[in-house]
Amino acid sequence: MSVFLDREASHRYQLFCVRDDSMTDGTCDSLCIGDILLCREVFREDWTHGLIGRYPNVVVVTEEGILLRRLTKHDRKQETISLHSLNRGDEDRTIALQDVKAFFYVERLIERHLSQW
């Protein structure tokens, strides 16, 4: 899928399709199954500067799979990140950065799967 950005991009972008309800809470903050998200990769060498930014939702790739969550804390001393699910049925997680293969900020909702609303 082609995506046009309103600025010149020096970062690597990737589209992700939401596959579970971990970020669905019935509010307008929800990211629903079938939604397409434009995400910007944060390179590993930039992780030490702090990962809490203006984009609260993130995609984290680990050996276990791909997680879409809200980033609530980056502990630089312990080298961990804390992730929150909007769905009350899912538990919050703390992940060691050494276990993270790739990290993306969710910058934009590209397409909403309307059957979810």
C-alpha atoms as a PDB file:
ATOM      1  CA  MET A   1       0.000   0.000   0.000  1.00  0.00           C
ATOM      2  CA  SER A   2       1.426   3.390  -0.922  1.00  0.00           C
ATOM      3  CA  VAL A   3       1.400   6.077   1.742  1.00  0.00           C
ATOM      4  CA  PHE A   4       2.193   9.727   1.054  1.00  0.00           C
ATOM      5  CA  LEU A   5       3.861  11.697   3.834  1.00  0.00           C
ATOM      6  CA  ASP A   6       3.553  15.462   4.228  1.00  0.00           C
ATOM      7  CA  ARG A   7       7.291  15.780   4.811  1.00  0.00           C
ATOM      8  CA  GLU A   8      10.561  14.301   3.659  1.00  0.00           C
ATOM      9  CA  ALA A   9      11.264  11.148   5.649  1.00  0.00           C
ATOM     10  CA  SER A  10      14.704  10.134   6.833  1.00  0.00           C
ATOM     11  CA  HIS A  11      13.339   7.225   8.854  1.00  0.00           C
ATOM     12  CA  ARG A  12      12.105   3.781   7.955  1.00  0.00           C
ATOM     13  CA  TYR A  13       8.327   3.395   7.951  1.00  0.00           C
ATOM     14  CA  GLN A  14       6.231   0.252   7.987  1.00  0.00           C
ATOM     15  CA  LEU A  15       2.513  -0.508   7.902  1.00  0.00           C
ATOM     16  CA  PHE A  16       1.004  -2.852  10.477  1.00  0.00           C
ATOM     17  CA  CYS A  17      -2.478  -4.353  10.507  1.00  0.00           C
ATOM     18  CA  VAL A  18      -4.062  -4.717  13.957  1.00  0.00           C
ATOM     19  CA  ARG A  19      -4.778  -8.415  14.603  1.00  0.00           C
ATOM     20  CA  ASP A  20      -6.119  -8.530  18.178  1.00  0.00           C
ATOM     21  CA  ASP A  21      -8.189  -6.478  20.604  1.00  0.00           C
ATOM     22  CA  SER A  22      -5.417  -5.512  23.049  1.00  0.00           C
ATOM     23  CA  MET A  23      -5.829  -1.819  22.178  1.00  0.00           C
ATOM     24  CA  THR A  24      -9.629  -1.769  22.138  1.00  0.00           C
ATOM     25  CA  ASP A  25     -11.450  -0.221  25.095  1.00  0.00           C
ATOM     26  CA  GLY A  26     -14.614   1.123  23.458  1.00  0.00           C
ATOM     27  CA  THR A  27     -13.358   4.722  23.282  1.00  0.00           C
ATOM     28  CA  CYS A  28     -12.068   6.841  20.401  1.00  0.00           C
ATOM     29  CA  ASP A  29      -8.517   5.920  21.534  1.00  0.00           C
ATOM     30  CA  SER A  30      -9.126   2.327  20.426  1.00  0.00           C
ATOM     31  CA  LEU A  31      -7.123   0.685  17.674  1.00  0.00           C
ATOM     32  CA  CYS A  32      -9.383  -2.046  16.315  1.00  0.00           C
ATOM     33  CA  ILE A  33      -8.873  -5.351  14.548  1.00  0.00           C
ATOM     34  CA  GLY A  34      -8.309  -4.617  10.864  1.00  0.00           C
ATOM     35  CA  ASP A  35      -7.013  -1.059  11.348  1.00  0.00           C
ATOM     36  CA  ILE A  36      -3.914  -0.167   9.325  1.00  0.00           C
ATOM     37  CA  LEU A  37      -1.226   1.802  11.190  1.00  0.00           C
ATOM     38  CA  LEU A  38       1.693   3.809   9.793  1.00  0.00           C
ATOM     39  CA  CYS A  39       4.663   3.277  12.110  1.00  0.00           C
ATOM     40  CA  ARG A  40       8.122   4.858  12.210  1.00  0.00           C
ATOM     41  CA  GLU A  41      11.038   2.720  13.320  1.00  0.00           C
ATOM     42  CA  VAL A  42      13.302   3.978  16.101  1.00  0.00           C
ATOM     43  CA  PHE A  43      16.787   2.637  15.485  1.00  0.00           C
ATOM     44  CA  ARG A  44      18.520   0.795  18.331  1.00  0.00           C
ATOM     45  CA  GLU A  45      21.271   3.409  18.638  1.00  0.00           C
ATOM     46  CA  ASP A  46      18.617   6.013  19.479  1.00  0.00           C
ATOM     47  CA  TRP A  47      16.972   3.999  22.280  1.00  0.00           C
ATOM     48  CA  THR A  48      19.400   5.355  24.895  1.00  0.00           C
ATOM     49  CA  HIS A  49      18.034   8.904  24.375  1.00  0.00           C
ATOM     50  CA  GLY A  50      14.660   7.881  25.815  1.00  0.00           C
ATOM     51  CA  LEU A  51      11.671   6.306  24.135  1.00  0.00           C
ATOM     52  CA  ILE A  52       8.848   8.288  25.725  1.00  0.00           C
ATOM     53  CA  GLY A  53       7.823  10.759  23.056  1.00  0.00           C
ATOM     54  CA  ARG A  54       4.847  12.449  21.528  1.00  0.00           C
ATOM     55  CA  TYR A  55       3.512   9.176  20.105  1.00  0.00           C
ATOM     56  CA  PRO A  56       2.183   7.095  23.010  1.00  0.00           C
ATOM     57  CA  ASN A  57       1.297   3.948  21.039  1.00  0.00           C
ATOM     58  CA  VAL A  58       4.102   1.684  19.910  1.00  0.00           C
ATOM     59  CA  VAL A  59       4.758  -1.556  18.074  1.00  0.00           C
ATOM     60  CA  VAL A  60       7.404  -3.754  19.684  1.00  0.00           C
ATOM     61  CA  VAL A  61       8.868  -6.761  17.870  1.00  0.00           C
ATOM     62  CA  THR A  62      10.298  -9.545  20.053  1.00  0.00           C
ATOM     63  CA  GLU A  63      11.107 -13.240  19.571  1.00  0.00           C
ATOM     64  CA  GLU A  64       7.607 -13.970  20.918  1.00  0.00           C
ATOM     65  CA  GLY A  65       5.865 -11.836  18.307  1.00  0.00           C
ATOM     66  CA  ILE A  66       4.620  -8.334  17.571  1.00  0.00           C
ATOM     67  CA  LEU A  67       2.964  -6.249  20.302  1.00  0.00           C
ATOM     68  CA  LEU A  68       0.844  -3.132  19.872  1.00  0.00           C
ATOM     69  CA  ARG A  69       0.650  -1.299  23.197  1.00  0.00           C
ATOM     70  CA  ARG A  70       0.859   2.087  24.898  1.00  0.00           C
ATOM     71  CA  LEU A  71       4.363   2.921  26.141  1.00  0.00           C
ATOM     72  CA  THR A  72       4.107   4.062  29.763  1.00  0.00           C
ATOM     73  CA  LYS A  73       7.711   3.979  30.965  1.00  0.00           C
ATOM     74  CA  HIS A  74      11.262   3.665  29.683  1.00  0.00           C
ATOM     75  CA  ASP A  75      13.667   2.800  32.478  1.00  0.00           C
ATOM     76  CA  ARG A  76      17.065   3.653  31.023  1.00  0.00           C
ATOM     77  CA  LYS A  77      18.925   2.404  34.079  1.00  0.00           C
ATOM     78  CA  GLN A  78      17.256  -1.040  34.037  1.00  0.00           C
ATOM     79  CA  GLU A  79      17.026  -0.980  30.211  1.00  0.00           C
ATOM     80  CA  THR A  80      13.340  -1.940  30.205  1.00  0.00           C
ATOM     81  CA  ILE A  81      10.109  -0.575  28.785  1.00  0.00           C
ATOM     82  CA  SER A  82       6.647  -0.827  30.347  1.00  0.00           C
ATOM     83  CA  LEU A  83       3.704  -1.398  28.017  1.00  0.00           C
ATOM     84  CA  HIS A  84       0.000  -0.927  28.737  1.00  0.00           C
ATOM     85  CA  SER A  85      -2.939  -2.547  26.977  1.00  0.00           C
ATOM     86  CA  LEU A  86      -6.180  -0.541  26.643  1.00  0.00           C
ATOM     87  CA  ASN A  87      -8.176  -3.766  26.893  1.00  0.00           C
ATOM     88  CA  ARG A  88      -8.751  -4.460  30.595  1.00  0.00           C
ATOM     89  CA  GLY A  89      -8.491  -8.204  29.937  1.00  0.00           C
ATOM     90  CA  ASP A  90      -4.797  -7.923  29.046  1.00  0.00           C
ATOM     91  CA  GLU A  91      -2.055  -7.406  31.605  1.00  0.00           C
ATOM     92  CA  ASP A  92       0.597  -4.709  31.430  1.00  0.00           C
ATOM     93  CA  ARG A  93       4.072  -5.922  30.508  1.00  0.00           C
ATOM     94  CA  THR A  94       7.641  -4.960  31.220  1.00  0.00           C
ATOM     95  CA  ILE A  95      10.126  -5.988  28.538  1.00  0.00           C
ATOM     96  CA  ALA A  96      13.914  -5.901  28.611  1.00  0.00           C
ATOM     97  CA  LEU A  97      15.256  -3.877  25.689  1.00  0.00           C
ATOM     98  CA  GLN A  98      17.762  -6.640  24.970  1.00  0.00           C
ATOM     99  CA  ASP A  99      14.756  -8.799  23.955  1.00  0.00           C
ATOM    100  CA  VAL A 100      13.413  -6.174  21.523  1.00  0.00           C
ATOM    101  CA  LYS A 101      14.233  -6.802  17.876  1.00  0.00           C
ATOM    102  CA  ALA A 102      12.561  -3.636  16.525  1.00  0.00           C
ATOM    103  CA  PHE A 103      10.673  -0.660  17.970  1.00  0.00           C
ATOM    104  CA  PHE A 104       8.176   1.573  16.145  1.00  0.00           C
ATOM    105  CA  TYR A 105       6.096   4.627  17.061  1.00  0.00           C
ATOM    106  CA  VAL A 106       2.526   4.509  15.759  1.00  0.00           C
ATOM    107  CA  GLU A 107       2.336   7.819  13.902  1.00  0.00           C
ATOM    108  CA  ARG A 108      -0.932   7.578  12.058  1.00  0.00           C
ATOM    109  CA  LEU A 109      -4.089   5.536  11.645  1.00  0.00           C
ATOM    110  CA  ILE A 110      -4.157   5.020   7.870  1.00  0.00           C
ATOM    111  CA  GLU A 111      -7.348   3.012   7.504  1.00  0.00           C
ATOM    112  CA  ARG A 112     -10.136   2.207   9.965  1.00  0.00           C
ATOM    113  CA  HIS A 113     -11.904  -1.118   9.678  1.00  0.00           C
ATOM    114  CA  LEU A 114     -15.453   0.213   9.999  1.00  0.00           C
ATOM    115  CA  SER A 115     -17.083  -3.094  10.888  1.00  0.00           C
ATOM    116  CA  GLN A 116     -15.528  -2.740  14.345  1.00  0.00           C
ATOM    117  CA  TRP A 117     -17.578   0.393  15.094  1.00  0.00           C
END
